[in-house]
Structures are given as C-alpha cells and as structure tokens.
C-alpha cells in the first residue's frame, strides 16, 4: 500500500488492535481542519486501504485521530471516567509527495508511541 497508512499494536494484550476507528483530517491554516476519511482497523491492526492515496496527497499538515478508549472498553477494560487516553491525536506533516508515509501506533490505556514507519 502506498500513500498514508497506519497500524495499531495493543501493548496491553500483546496483539494487533482490531476494530479501532480512525479519522483523518487535513489542517487548513492554523485553526481549521477538514475530515478526509474514516476507517477501522482489520484483524491484523491494519487498514484494508490507505487513509490517503498518492493521488489525493498534498503537502501539508494532517491529523490521525485514533479512538482507543472505545477499543479498550470493547476489550472489557475498566477505564476511568473520563478515560486517561480516550482519543489519541497524531499530527504529521507531508512534504514529499513521492514518498510513502506510515504511522504506526503502539498503545495502552496509559500511554502511546508513534513513529514514521516504512
């Protein structure tokens, strides 16, 4: 897959995070964001299609919003109210339109890590 992709690993249970809702936004200026896509991870914690395909990529700032609180509630975890991490927002910049951008998320109810993958 090429474009902007992601996958999610559940560090609490030690496996891919399936059925996690994700929204992709593009920032237009410093205060306006526009929803571009919604998706959910498959059984392997990945998406069946890129969040953003090469033909739709533009230089700029994007935000991936991961609904991890809903995911952990479905797994039967008792989260505080409000949950410490309910939604994880990751803002990334796309500058090279010929490049693939992959944003893995490693997550637990108490913390997360992201990086530019391959």
N, C-alpha and C. Protein backbone atom coordinates (compact mmCIF):
# COMPACT_ATOMS: atom_id res chain seq x y z
N UNK A 1 0.84 -1.18 0.00
CA UNK A 1 0.00 0.00 0.00
C UNK A 1 0.88 1.24 0.00
N UNK A 2 0.48 2.23 -0.75
CA UNK A 2 1.23 3.48 -0.79
C UNK A 2 0.31 4.64 -0.46
N UNK A 3 0.89 5.71 0.01
CA UNK A 3 0.12 6.88 0.44
C UNK A 3 0.38 7.11 1.91
N UNK A 4 -0.69 7.32 2.68
CA UNK A 4 -0.61 7.47 4.13
C UNK A 4 -1.32 6.27 4.75
N UNK A 5 -0.56 5.47 5.51
CA UNK A 5 -1.10 4.26 6.13
C UNK A 5 -0.77 4.25 7.62
N UNK A 6 -1.38 3.31 8.33
CA UNK A 6 -1.14 3.16 9.76
C UNK A 6 -1.39 1.73 10.17
N UNK A 7 -0.91 1.37 11.33
CA UNK A 7 -1.35 0.15 12.01
C UNK A 7 -1.23 0.39 13.51
N UNK A 8 -1.96 -0.44 14.27
CA UNK A 8 -2.02 -0.24 15.72
C UNK A 8 -1.71 -1.55 16.42
N UNK A 9 -0.80 -1.47 17.39
CA UNK A 9 -0.46 -2.62 18.23
C UNK A 9 -0.91 -2.34 19.66
N UNK A 10 -1.66 -3.27 20.22
CA UNK A 10 -2.18 -3.19 21.59
C UNK A 10 -1.12 -3.76 22.52
N UNK A 11 -0.43 -2.89 23.25
CA UNK A 11 0.65 -3.32 24.14
C UNK A 11 0.12 -3.96 25.43
N UNK A 12 -1.12 -3.68 25.79
CA UNK A 12 -1.71 -4.27 26.99
C UNK A 12 -1.96 -5.76 26.81
N UNK A 13 -2.49 -6.12 25.65
CA UNK A 13 -2.84 -7.52 25.39
C UNK A 13 -1.81 -8.24 24.52
N UNK A 14 -0.88 -7.50 23.93
CA UNK A 14 0.18 -8.11 23.15
C UNK A 14 -0.23 -8.61 21.78
N UNK A 15 -1.14 -7.88 21.13
CA UNK A 15 -1.54 -8.27 19.78
C UNK A 15 -2.02 -7.05 19.00
N UNK A 16 -2.25 -7.21 17.68
CA UNK A 16 -2.77 -6.08 16.89
C UNK A 16 -4.12 -5.62 17.43
N UNK A 17 -4.39 -4.35 17.31
CA UNK A 17 -5.66 -3.78 17.76
C UNK A 17 -6.65 -3.73 16.60
N UNK A 18 -7.66 -4.57 16.65
CA UNK A 18 -8.66 -4.62 15.59
C UNK A 18 -9.87 -3.76 15.93
N UNK A 19 -10.56 -3.34 14.91
CA UNK A 19 -11.80 -2.56 15.02
C UNK A 19 -11.62 -1.23 15.74
N UNK A 20 -10.47 -0.60 15.54
CA UNK A 20 -10.24 0.75 16.10
C UNK A 20 -10.66 1.76 15.04
N UNK A 21 -11.56 2.65 15.40
CA UNK A 21 -12.00 3.70 14.49
C UNK A 21 -10.90 4.76 14.38
N UNK A 22 -10.70 5.23 13.14
CA UNK A 22 -9.68 6.25 12.85
C UNK A 22 -10.31 7.30 11.95
N UNK A 23 -10.01 8.55 12.23
CA UNK A 23 -10.41 9.65 11.35
C UNK A 23 -9.15 10.35 10.86
N UNK A 24 -9.17 10.78 9.62
CA UNK A 24 -8.06 11.53 9.05
C UNK A 24 -8.55 12.92 8.68
N UNK A 25 -7.82 13.92 9.17
CA UNK A 25 -8.13 15.33 8.89
C UNK A 25 -6.95 15.98 8.19
N UNK A 26 -7.24 17.00 7.42
CA UNK A 26 -6.20 17.86 6.84
C UNK A 26 -6.38 19.24 7.45
N UNK A 27 -5.29 19.79 7.96
CA UNK A 27 -5.33 21.13 8.54
C UNK A 27 -5.23 22.16 7.43
N UNK A 28 -6.12 23.12 7.48
CA UNK A 28 -6.14 24.23 6.52
C UNK A 28 -5.94 25.50 7.33
N UNK A 29 -4.74 26.00 7.35
CA UNK A 29 -4.41 27.12 8.23
C UNK A 29 -4.15 26.59 9.62
N UNK A 30 -4.17 27.47 10.60
CA UNK A 30 -3.81 27.07 11.96
C UNK A 30 -5.00 26.64 12.80
N UNK A 31 -6.23 26.87 12.33
CA UNK A 31 -7.37 26.58 13.20
C UNK A 31 -8.50 25.82 12.53
N UNK A 32 -8.37 25.46 11.28
CA UNK A 32 -9.45 24.75 10.58
C UNK A 32 -8.95 23.40 10.09
N UNK A 33 -9.69 22.37 10.43
CA UNK A 33 -9.34 21.05 9.91
C UNK A 33 -10.54 20.49 9.15
N UNK A 34 -10.24 19.70 8.13
CA UNK A 34 -11.28 19.13 7.27
C UNK A 34 -11.17 17.61 7.28
N UNK A 35 -12.28 16.94 7.57
CA UNK A 35 -12.31 15.49 7.60
C UNK A 35 -12.15 14.95 6.18
N UNK A 36 -11.16 14.07 5.99
CA UNK A 36 -10.90 13.47 4.68
C UNK A 36 -11.36 12.03 4.58
N UNK A 37 -11.25 11.29 5.71
CA UNK A 37 -11.52 9.86 5.63
C UNK A 37 -11.80 9.30 7.01
N UNK A 38 -12.57 8.22 7.05
CA UNK A 38 -12.76 7.44 8.26
C UNK A 38 -12.51 5.98 7.91
N UNK A 39 -12.01 5.22 8.87
CA UNK A 39 -11.72 3.81 8.63
C UNK A 39 -11.67 3.09 9.97
N UNK A 40 -11.56 1.77 9.91
CA UNK A 40 -11.38 0.95 11.10
C UNK A 40 -10.34 -0.13 10.79
N UNK A 41 -9.54 -0.46 11.78
CA UNK A 41 -8.50 -1.46 11.58
C UNK A 41 -9.11 -2.85 11.44
N UNK A 42 -8.41 -3.70 10.69
CA UNK A 42 -8.83 -5.08 10.50
C UNK A 42 -8.25 -5.97 11.60
N UNK A 43 -8.37 -7.29 11.46
CA UNK A 43 -7.90 -8.23 12.48
C UNK A 43 -6.40 -8.14 12.71
N UNK A 44 -5.66 -7.65 11.71
CA UNK A 44 -4.21 -7.51 11.83
C UNK A 44 -3.81 -6.12 12.35
N UNK A 45 -4.78 -5.31 12.76
CA UNK A 45 -4.49 -3.97 13.27
C UNK A 45 -4.14 -2.98 12.18
N UNK A 46 -4.39 -3.36 10.92
CA UNK A 46 -4.05 -2.51 9.77
C UNK A 46 -5.33 -2.12 9.04
N UNK A 47 -5.17 -1.24 8.07
CA UNK A 47 -6.31 -0.84 7.24
C UNK A 47 -6.27 -1.61 5.93
N UNK A 48 -7.43 -1.86 5.37
CA UNK A 48 -7.50 -2.54 4.08
C UNK A 48 -7.06 -1.64 2.93
N UNK A 49 -7.21 -0.34 3.11
CA UNK A 49 -6.82 0.65 2.10
C UNK A 49 -6.10 1.80 2.80
N UNK A 50 -5.26 2.54 2.08
CA UNK A 50 -4.61 3.70 2.71
C UNK A 50 -5.63 4.72 3.19
N UNK A 51 -5.29 5.43 4.25
CA UNK A 51 -6.13 6.56 4.68
C UNK A 51 -6.13 7.65 3.63
N UNK A 52 -5.00 7.79 2.97
CA UNK A 52 -4.84 8.81 1.93
C UNK A 52 -4.01 8.20 0.81
N UNK A 53 -4.57 8.14 -0.38
CA UNK A 53 -3.85 7.56 -1.52
C UNK A 53 -2.93 8.60 -2.14
N UNK A 54 -1.93 8.12 -2.89
CA UNK A 54 -0.97 9.01 -3.54
C UNK A 54 -1.65 10.10 -4.35
N UNK A 55 -2.69 9.74 -5.07
CA UNK A 55 -3.33 10.71 -5.95
C UNK A 55 -4.06 11.81 -5.18
N UNK A 56 -4.34 11.61 -3.89
CA UNK A 56 -5.02 12.63 -3.08
C UNK A 56 -4.08 13.37 -2.14
N UNK A 57 -2.80 12.93 -2.09
CA UNK A 57 -1.86 13.57 -1.17
C UNK A 57 -1.51 14.98 -1.62
N UNK A 58 -1.42 15.85 -0.65
CA UNK A 58 -0.96 17.22 -0.85
C UNK A 58 0.03 17.53 0.27
N UNK A 59 0.94 18.43 0.01
CA UNK A 59 1.83 18.89 1.08
C UNK A 59 0.97 19.55 2.14
N UNK A 60 1.35 19.34 3.39
CA UNK A 60 0.63 20.00 4.46
C UNK A 60 0.61 19.18 5.73
N UNK A 61 -0.20 19.63 6.66
CA UNK A 61 -0.30 19.01 7.97
C UNK A 61 -1.60 18.22 8.07
N UNK A 62 -1.47 16.99 8.58
CA UNK A 62 -2.60 16.08 8.71
C UNK A 62 -2.71 15.62 10.15
N UNK A 63 -3.91 15.16 10.52
CA UNK A 63 -4.11 14.62 11.86
C UNK A 63 -4.84 13.29 11.77
N UNK A 64 -4.27 12.29 12.41
CA UNK A 64 -4.93 11.00 12.57
C UNK A 64 -5.52 10.97 13.97
N UNK A 65 -6.80 10.65 14.08
CA UNK A 65 -7.47 10.59 15.37
C UNK A 65 -7.89 9.15 15.61
N UNK A 66 -7.27 8.52 16.63
CA UNK A 66 -7.49 7.11 16.95
C UNK A 66 -8.43 7.01 18.16
N UNK A 67 -9.51 6.27 18.04
CA UNK A 67 -10.49 6.10 19.12
C UNK A 67 -10.11 4.89 19.97
N UNK A 68 -9.07 5.04 20.77
CA UNK A 68 -8.56 3.90 21.51
C UNK A 68 -9.37 3.61 22.78
N UNK A 69 -10.00 4.61 23.36
CA UNK A 69 -10.84 4.36 24.54
C UNK A 69 -11.96 3.39 24.21
N UNK A 70 -12.63 3.61 23.09
CA UNK A 70 -13.70 2.70 22.66
C UNK A 70 -13.15 1.29 22.47
N UNK A 71 -11.97 1.19 21.89
CA UNK A 71 -11.35 -0.12 21.67
C UNK A 71 -11.12 -0.85 23.00
N UNK A 72 -10.51 -0.17 23.97
CA UNK A 72 -10.22 -0.84 25.24
C UNK A 72 -11.49 -1.15 26.02
N UNK A 73 -12.52 -0.33 25.90
CA UNK A 73 -13.80 -0.65 26.55
C UNK A 73 -14.39 -1.94 25.95
N UNK A 74 -14.31 -2.08 24.62
CA UNK A 74 -14.80 -3.31 23.97
C UNK A 74 -14.02 -4.53 24.45
N UNK A 75 -12.78 -4.33 24.83
CA UNK A 75 -11.94 -5.43 25.34
C UNK A 75 -12.26 -5.75 26.80
N UNK A 76 -13.16 -4.99 27.41
CA UNK A 76 -13.57 -5.26 28.79
C UNK A 76 -12.73 -4.58 29.85
N UNK A 77 -11.87 -3.66 29.46
CA UNK A 77 -11.07 -2.95 30.46
C UNK A 77 -11.90 -1.87 31.14
N UNK A 78 -11.75 -1.76 32.43
CA UNK A 78 -12.41 -0.70 33.18
C UNK A 78 -11.54 0.55 33.08
N UNK A 79 -12.02 1.53 32.36
CA UNK A 79 -11.29 2.80 32.23
C UNK A 79 -11.90 3.82 33.16
N UNK A 80 -11.09 4.76 33.60
CA UNK A 80 -11.61 5.84 34.44
C UNK A 80 -12.59 6.68 33.62
N UNK A 81 -13.38 7.49 34.31
CA UNK A 81 -14.34 8.35 33.62
C UNK A 81 -14.06 9.79 34.00
N UNK A 82 -13.46 10.58 33.12
CA UNK A 82 -13.10 10.23 31.75
C UNK A 82 -11.83 9.37 31.70
N UNK A 83 -11.69 8.67 30.60
CA UNK A 83 -10.51 7.82 30.41
C UNK A 83 -9.26 8.69 30.30
N UNK A 84 -8.15 8.18 30.82
CA UNK A 84 -6.89 8.92 30.71
C UNK A 84 -6.56 9.20 29.25
N UNK A 85 -6.64 8.18 28.40
CA UNK A 85 -6.49 8.34 26.94
C UNK A 85 -7.75 7.79 26.28
N UNK A 86 -8.58 8.66 25.79
CA UNK A 86 -9.80 8.23 25.11
C UNK A 86 -9.59 8.27 23.60
N UNK A 87 -9.03 9.38 23.14
CA UNK A 87 -8.70 9.55 21.73
C UNK A 87 -7.24 10.01 21.65
N UNK A 88 -6.52 9.45 20.71
CA UNK A 88 -5.13 9.84 20.50
C UNK A 88 -5.05 10.57 19.18
N UNK A 89 -4.61 11.82 19.22
CA UNK A 89 -4.45 12.63 18.00
C UNK A 89 -2.97 12.71 17.66
N UNK A 90 -2.66 12.39 16.41
CA UNK A 90 -1.28 12.44 15.94
C UNK A 90 -1.25 13.35 14.72
N UNK A 91 -0.49 14.44 14.82
CA UNK A 91 -0.36 15.37 13.70
C UNK A 91 0.96 15.12 12.99
N UNK A 92 0.88 14.95 11.67
CA UNK A 92 2.06 14.68 10.86
C UNK A 92 2.10 15.64 9.68
N UNK A 93 3.29 15.93 9.23
CA UNK A 93 3.47 16.77 8.05
C UNK A 93 3.88 15.92 6.86
N UNK A 94 3.25 16.18 5.74
CA UNK A 94 3.62 15.52 4.48
C UNK A 94 4.28 16.57 3.60
N UNK A 95 5.54 16.30 3.24
CA UNK A 95 6.28 17.25 2.43
C UNK A 95 6.73 16.66 1.10
N UNK A 96 6.98 15.35 1.07
CA UNK A 96 7.47 14.70 -0.14
C UNK A 96 6.34 13.87 -0.74
N UNK A 97 5.73 14.38 -1.79
CA UNK A 97 4.55 13.72 -2.37
C UNK A 97 4.89 12.42 -3.08
N UNK A 98 6.15 12.12 -3.30
CA UNK A 98 6.55 10.85 -3.92
C UNK A 98 6.85 9.78 -2.87
N UNK A 99 6.75 10.13 -1.59
CA UNK A 99 7.11 9.23 -0.50
C UNK A 99 5.88 8.55 0.09
N UNK A 100 6.10 7.37 0.64
CA UNK A 100 5.07 6.67 1.41
C UNK A 100 5.20 7.11 2.86
N UNK A 101 4.08 7.38 3.52
CA UNK A 101 4.07 7.77 4.92
C UNK A 101 3.30 6.72 5.71
N UNK A 102 3.98 6.09 6.66
CA UNK A 102 3.36 5.06 7.50
C UNK A 102 3.50 5.49 8.95
N UNK A 103 2.39 5.49 9.70
CA UNK A 103 2.36 6.00 11.07
C UNK A 103 1.85 4.89 12.01
N UNK A 104 2.74 4.03 12.52
CA UNK A 104 2.33 3.01 13.48
C UNK A 104 2.04 3.63 14.85
N UNK A 105 1.05 3.05 15.53
CA UNK A 105 0.69 3.47 16.88
C UNK A 105 0.82 2.27 17.80
N UNK A 106 1.64 2.40 18.83
CA UNK A 106 1.76 1.40 19.89
C UNK A 106 1.01 1.98 21.09
N UNK A 107 0.03 1.24 21.63
CA UNK A 107 -0.87 1.89 22.57
C UNK A 107 -1.27 0.98 23.74
N UNK A 108 -1.50 1.63 24.87
CA UNK A 108 -2.11 1.02 26.05
C UNK A 108 -3.08 2.07 26.60
N UNK A 109 -3.87 1.75 27.60
CA UNK A 109 -4.76 2.78 28.16
C UNK A 109 -4.02 3.92 28.84
N UNK A 110 -2.70 3.75 29.07
CA UNK A 110 -1.94 4.74 29.84
C UNK A 110 -0.84 5.43 29.06
N UNK A 111 -0.62 5.04 27.80
CA UNK A 111 0.44 5.67 27.04
C UNK A 111 0.45 5.19 25.60
N UNK A 112 1.21 5.90 24.79
CA UNK A 112 1.33 5.51 23.39
C UNK A 112 2.64 6.00 22.83
N UNK A 113 3.02 5.41 21.69
CA UNK A 113 4.20 5.83 20.96
C UNK A 113 3.88 5.76 19.48
N UNK A 114 4.36 6.73 18.74
CA UNK A 114 4.22 6.74 17.29
C UNK A 114 5.59 7.00 16.67
N UNK A 115 5.74 6.61 15.43
CA UNK A 115 6.98 6.86 14.71
C UNK A 115 6.67 6.78 13.22
N UNK A 116 7.59 7.24 12.42
CA UNK A 116 7.43 7.08 10.98
C UNK A 116 7.98 5.72 10.59
N UNK A 117 7.09 4.85 10.19
CA UNK A 117 7.48 3.50 9.79
C UNK A 117 7.79 3.44 8.32
N UNK A 118 7.88 2.22 7.84
CA UNK A 118 8.20 2.03 6.42
C UNK A 118 7.11 1.23 5.73
